[in-house]
C-alpha atoms as a PDB file:
ATOM      1  CA  MET A   1    -125.578 139.004-105.008  1.00  0.00           C
ATOM      2  CA  LYS A   2    -125.401 141.428-107.914  1.00  0.00           C
ATOM      3  CA  ARG A   3    -122.142 143.334-108.553  1.00  0.00           C
ATOM      4  CA  VAL A   4    -121.310 146.502-110.307  1.00  0.00           C
ATOM      5  CA  ARG A   5    -119.229 146.040-113.429  1.00  0.00           C
ATOM      6  CA  THR A   6    -116.771 148.671-114.687  1.00  0.00           C
ATOM      7  CA  SER A   7    -116.272 149.505-118.354  1.00  0.00           C
ATOM      8  CA  THR A   8    -114.044 151.900-120.228  1.00  0.00           C
ATOM      9  CA  LYS A   9    -114.820 153.605-123.584  1.00  0.00           C
ATOM     10  CA  ALA A  10    -112.922 155.676-126.150  1.00  0.00           C
ATOM     11  CA  ILE A  11    -114.119 159.034-127.507  1.00  0.00           C
ATOM     12  CA  VAL A  12    -112.311 159.417-130.890  1.00  0.00           C
ATOM     13  CA  ILE A  13    -113.279 162.480-132.905  1.00  0.00           C
ATOM     14  CA  GLU A  14    -111.550 163.393-136.147  1.00  0.00           C
ATOM     15  CA  ASN A  15    -112.592 165.790-138.915  1.00  0.00           C
ATOM     16  CA  GLY A  16    -116.031 166.257-137.459  1.00  0.00           C
ATOM     17  CA  ARG A  17    -116.656 162.555-137.151  1.00  0.00           C
ATOM     18  CA  LEU A  18    -117.102 160.207-134.143  1.00  0.00           C
ATOM     19  CA  LEU A  19    -115.704 156.698-134.298  1.00  0.00           C
ATOM     20  CA  ALA A  20    -118.302 154.121-133.242  1.00  0.00           C
ATOM     21  CA  VAL A  21    -118.729 150.361-133.115  1.00  0.00           C
ATOM     22  CA  ARG A  22    -121.573 149.276-135.426  1.00  0.00           C
ATOM     23  CA  ASN A  23    -123.852 146.574-134.012  1.00  0.00           C
ATOM     24  CA  ARG A  24    -126.934 144.879-135.405  1.00  0.00           C
ATOM     25  CA  ASP A  25    -130.126 143.620-133.889  1.00  0.00           C
ATOM     26  CA  CYS A  26    -133.625 142.854-135.195  1.00  0.00           C
ATOM     27  CA  GLU A  27    -134.317 146.583-135.621  1.00  0.00           C
ATOM     28  CA  GLY A  28    -131.159 147.233-137.671  1.00  0.00           C
ATOM     29  CA  ASP A  29    -127.870 148.936-136.956  1.00  0.00           C
ATOM     30  CA  TRP A  30    -127.052 150.642-133.663  1.00  0.00           C
ATOM     31  CA  TYR A  31    -123.849 152.232-132.402  1.00  0.00           C
ATOM     32  CA  MET A  32    -121.825 152.671-129.268  1.00  0.00           C
ATOM     33  CA  LEU A  33    -118.344 153.920-128.473  1.00  0.00           C
ATOM     34  CA  PRO A  34    -115.495 151.398-128.606  1.00  0.00           C
ATOM     35  CA  GLY A  35    -114.454 149.770-125.364  1.00  0.00           C
ATOM     36  CA  GLY A  36    -115.678 147.285-122.818  1.00  0.00           C
ATOM     37  CA  GLY A  37    -115.386 145.582-119.450  1.00  0.00           C
ATOM     38  CA  GLN A  38    -112.416 145.873-117.203  1.00  0.00           C
ATOM     39  CA  HIS A  39    -110.783 142.643-116.069  1.00  0.00           C
ATOM     40  CA  HIS A  40    -109.554 141.933-112.533  1.00  0.00           C
ATOM     41  CA  ASN A  41    -106.065 143.406-111.964  1.00  0.00           C
ATOM     42  CA  GLU A  42    -106.347 145.534-115.093  1.00  0.00           C
ATOM     43  CA  SER A  43    -106.149 149.348-115.026  1.00  0.00           C
ATOM     44  CA  LEU A  44    -108.824 151.348-116.908  1.00  0.00           C
ATOM     45  CA  HIS A  45    -106.160 152.320-119.465  1.00  0.00           C
ATOM     46  CA  GLU A  46    -105.078 148.755-119.967  1.00  0.00           C
ATOM     47  CA  ALA A  47    -108.681 147.648-120.374  1.00  0.00           C
ATOM     48  CA  LEU A  48    -109.338 150.419-122.942  1.00  0.00           C
ATOM     49  CA  THR A  49    -106.209 149.643-124.937  1.00  0.00           C
ATOM     50  CA  ARG A  50    -107.141 145.913-125.071  1.00  0.00           C
ATOM     51  CA  GLU A  51    -110.817 146.458-125.818  1.00  0.00           C
ATOM     52  CA  PHE A  52    -110.107 149.026-128.544  1.00  0.00           C
ATOM     53  CA  ASP A  53    -107.661 146.642-130.273  1.00  0.00           C
ATOM     54  CA  GLU A  54    -110.228 143.754-129.994  1.00  0.00           C
ATOM     55  CA  GLU A  55    -113.161 145.736-131.398  1.00  0.00           C
ATOM     56  CA  VAL A  56    -111.526 148.226-133.761  1.00  0.00           C
ATOM     57  CA  GLY A  57    -108.029 146.915-134.422  1.00  0.00           C
ATOM     58  CA  GLY A  58    -105.694 149.764-133.822  1.00  0.00           C
ATOM     59  CA  GLU A  59    -103.714 151.740-131.296  1.00  0.00           C
ATOM     60  CA  ILE A  60    -104.802 154.839-129.392  1.00  0.00           C
ATOM     61  CA  ALA A  61    -103.259 157.431-127.120  1.00  0.00           C
ATOM     62  CA  ILE A  62    -105.544 157.758-124.088  1.00  0.00           C
ATOM     63  CA  GLY A  63    -106.207 161.314-123.014  1.00  0.00           C
ATOM     64  CA  PRO A  64    -108.276 162.822-120.212  1.00  0.00           C
ATOM     65  CA  LEU A  65    -111.279 161.259-118.575  1.00  0.00           C
ATOM     66  CA  ARG A  66    -114.264 163.150-119.949  1.00  0.00           C
ATOM     67  CA  PHE A  67    -117.370 161.363-118.605  1.00  0.00           C
ATOM     68  CA  VAL A  68    -118.515 158.825-116.074  1.00  0.00           C
ATOM     69  CA  ARG A  69    -121.921 157.195-116.684  1.00  0.00           C
ATOM     70  CA  ASP A  70    -124.019 154.740-114.716  1.00  0.00           C
ATOM     71  CA  TYR A  71    -125.829 152.261-116.857  1.00  0.00           C
ATOM     72  CA  ILE A  72    -128.569 150.603-114.828  1.00  0.00           C
ATOM     73  CA  SER A  73    -130.197 148.250-117.277  1.00  0.00           C
ATOM     74  CA  ASN A  74    -133.660 148.217-115.670  1.00  0.00           C
ATOM     75  CA  ASN A  75    -133.971 151.877-116.685  1.00  0.00           C
ATOM     76  CA  HIS A  76    -133.263 151.366-120.369  1.00  0.00           C
ATOM     77  CA  GLU A  77    -134.636 149.631-123.453  1.00  0.00           C
ATOM     78  CA  PHE A  78    -132.090 146.796-123.357  1.00  0.00           C
ATOM     79  CA  ALA A  79    -133.275 145.609-119.917  1.00  0.00           C
ATOM     80  CA  ASP A  80    -134.619 142.332-121.251  1.00  0.00           C
ATOM     81  CA  GLU A  81    -131.328 141.574-122.960  1.00  0.00           C
ATOM     82  CA  ASP A  82    -128.955 142.825-120.277  1.00  0.00           C
ATOM     83  CA  GLY A  83    -130.726 141.398-117.274  1.00  0.00           C
ATOM     84  CA  ASN A  84    -130.159 143.191-113.972  1.00  0.00           C
ATOM     85  CA  LEU A  85    -126.887 144.853-114.969  1.00  0.00           C
ATOM     86  CA  HIS A  86    -125.330 147.874-113.266  1.00  0.00           C
ATOM     87  CA  GLN A  87    -122.237 149.070-115.135  1.00  0.00           C
ATOM     88  CA  VAL A  88    -120.132 152.166-114.456  1.00  0.00           C
ATOM     89  CA  GLU A  89    -118.632 153.496-117.709  1.00  0.00           C
ATOM     90  CA  PHE A  90    -115.551 155.653-117.930  1.00  0.00           C
ATOM     91  CA  TYR A  91    -115.237 157.650-121.194  1.00  0.00           C
ATOM     92  CA  PHE A  92    -111.775 158.872-122.187  1.00  0.00           C
ATOM     93  CA  GLU A  93    -110.912 161.222-125.003  1.00  0.00           C
ATOM     94  CA  CYS A  94    -108.471 159.383-127.249  1.00  0.00           C
ATOM     95  CA  GLU A  95    -106.380 159.956-130.328  1.00  0.00           C
ATOM     96  CA  LEU A  96    -105.794 157.378-133.030  1.00  0.00           C
ATOM     97  CA  LEU A  97    -102.154 156.348-133.458  1.00  0.00           C
ATOM     98  CA  THR A  98    -102.919 153.979-136.384  1.00  0.00           C
ATOM     99  CA  GLU A  99    -105.479 154.087-139.155  1.00  0.00           C
ATOM    100  CA  VAL A 100    -108.601 151.985-138.842  1.00  0.00           C
ATOM    101  CA  ASP A 101    -110.858 150.546-141.498  1.00  0.00           C
ATOM    102  CA  GLU A 102    -114.523 149.811-141.104  1.00  0.00           C
ATOM    103  CA  THR A 103    -114.122 146.089-140.473  1.00  0.00           C
ATOM    104  CA  CYS A 104    -113.998 144.614-137.019  1.00  0.00           C
ATOM    105  CA  GLY A 105    -110.925 144.170-134.899  1.00  0.00           C
ATOM    106  CA  HIS A 106    -109.605 140.636-134.224  1.00  0.00           C
ATOM    107  CA  THR A 107    -112.108 139.858-131.386  1.00  0.00           C
ATOM    108  CA  PRO A 108    -115.403 141.653-132.088  1.00  0.00           C
ATOM    109  CA  ASP A 109    -118.322 141.558-129.723  1.00  0.00           C
ATOM    110  CA  MET A 110    -121.248 139.190-130.413  1.00  0.00           C
ATOM    111  CA  HIS A 111    -123.533 141.822-132.060  1.00  0.00           C
ATOM    112  CA  GLN A 112    -120.688 143.770-133.733  1.00  0.00           C
ATOM    113  CA  HIS A 113    -120.664 144.148-137.497  1.00  0.00           C
ATOM    114  CA  GLY A 114    -117.843 146.691-137.966  1.00  0.00           C
ATOM    115  CA  VAL A 115    -116.847 150.191-137.011  1.00  0.00           C
ATOM    116  CA  GLN A 116    -118.051 153.364-138.612  1.00  0.00           C
ATOM    117  CA  TRP A 117    -117.254 157.089-138.608  1.00  0.00           C
ATOM    118  CA  LEU A 118    -120.429 159.034-137.818  1.00  0.00           C
ATOM    119  CA  LYS A 119    -120.712 162.691-138.789  1.00  0.00           C
ATOM    120  CA  ILE A 120    -121.154 164.737-135.656  1.00  0.00           C
ATOM    121  CA  GLU A 121    -123.755 167.020-137.300  1.00  0.00           C
ATOM    122  CA  LYS A 122    -125.920 163.974-138.166  1.00  0.00           C
ATOM    123  CA  LEU A 123    -125.659 161.932-134.970  1.00  0.00           C
ATOM    124  CA  GLU A 124    -129.434 162.073-134.382  1.00  0.00           C
ATOM    125  CA  GLN A 125    -129.854 159.985-137.550  1.00  0.00           C
ATOM    126  CA  TYR A 126    -128.107 157.017-135.879  1.00  0.00           C
ATOM    127  CA  ARG A 127    -129.175 154.726-133.053  1.00  0.00           C
ATOM    128  CA  LEU A 128    -126.238 155.833-130.941  1.00  0.00           C
ATOM    129  CA  TYR A 129    -126.156 154.796-127.261  1.00  0.00           C
ATOM    130  CA  PRO A 130    -126.280 156.517-124.926  1.00  0.00           C
ATOM    131  CA  LYS A 131    -128.711 158.667-126.855  1.00  0.00           C
ATOM    132  CA  HIS A 132    -127.583 161.689-124.892  1.00  0.00           C
ATOM    133  CA  PHE A 133    -124.425 161.680-127.004  1.00  0.00           C
ATOM    134  CA  GLN A 134    -126.401 162.610-130.130  1.00  0.00           C
ATOM    135  CA  GLN A 135    -126.577 166.154-128.798  1.00  0.00           C
ATOM    136  CA  LEU A 136    -123.617 166.231-126.409  1.00  0.00           C
ATOM    137  CA  PHE A 137    -120.911 166.084-129.062  1.00  0.00           C
ATOM    138  CA  LYS A 138    -122.588 168.821-131.100  1.00  0.00           C
ATOM    139  CA  ASN A 139    -121.826 171.199-128.247  1.00  0.00           C
ATOM    140  CA  LEU A 140    -118.485 172.866-129.081  1.00  0.00           C
ATOM    141  CA  ASN A 141    -117.766 172.988-125.348  1.00  0.00           C
ATOM    142  CA  TRP A 142    -118.450 169.287-124.635  1.00  0.00           C
ATOM    143  CA  ARG A 143    -115.049 168.950-122.956  1.00  0.00           C
ATOM    144  CA  GLU A 144    -116.191 171.430-120.256  1.00  0.00           C
ATOM    145  CA  ILE A 145    -119.392 169.584-119.324  1.00  0.00           C
ATOM    146  CA  GLU A 146    -119.580 168.028-115.897  1.00  0.00           C
ATOM    147  CA  ILE A 147    -117.870 164.645-115.828  1.00  0.00           C
ATOM    148  CA  TYR A 148    -120.540 162.633-113.989  1.00  0.00           C
ATOM    149  CA  LEU A 149    -123.529 162.134-116.295  1.00  0.00           C
ATOM    150  CA  GLY A 150    -125.603 159.826-114.067  1.00  0.00           C
ATOM    151  CA  ASP A 151    -127.903 157.101-115.432  1.00  0.00           C
ATOM    152  CA  ILE A 152    -128.547 158.765-118.807  1.00  0.00           C
ATOM    153  CA  ASN A 153    -129.772 157.302-122.106  1.00  0.00           C
END
């Protein structure tokens, strides 16, 4: 029986830049927002605090929930790698409480090669996932967009 996995992600924007985790595959660098899977008996905020520290190495203040996304792997280009995964992702707007550098946190993910600040006006130049975010964060009113995004890429 397949299960649905929950994941929590941080939206950190400062000075016109978006903080992203830098990963690498055979095609080069690709980016996603920091965060990861929720453990049993762990709240979404606890999971995000832990995952952010593991991947980025730093502390955040977690703000409002901004987006909920379904990731159904069979509908995306990573289907071969992810198998038959259905993940529900909760994206929270966050504020950095400590400075971060562009190295990894103390427990980076397998494909992670650092963190990077991406200029909002140039997001389409990066392999940022979900791809929808390349345009979404350019909208000055992105905080007012409907929370549930569906199975977007």
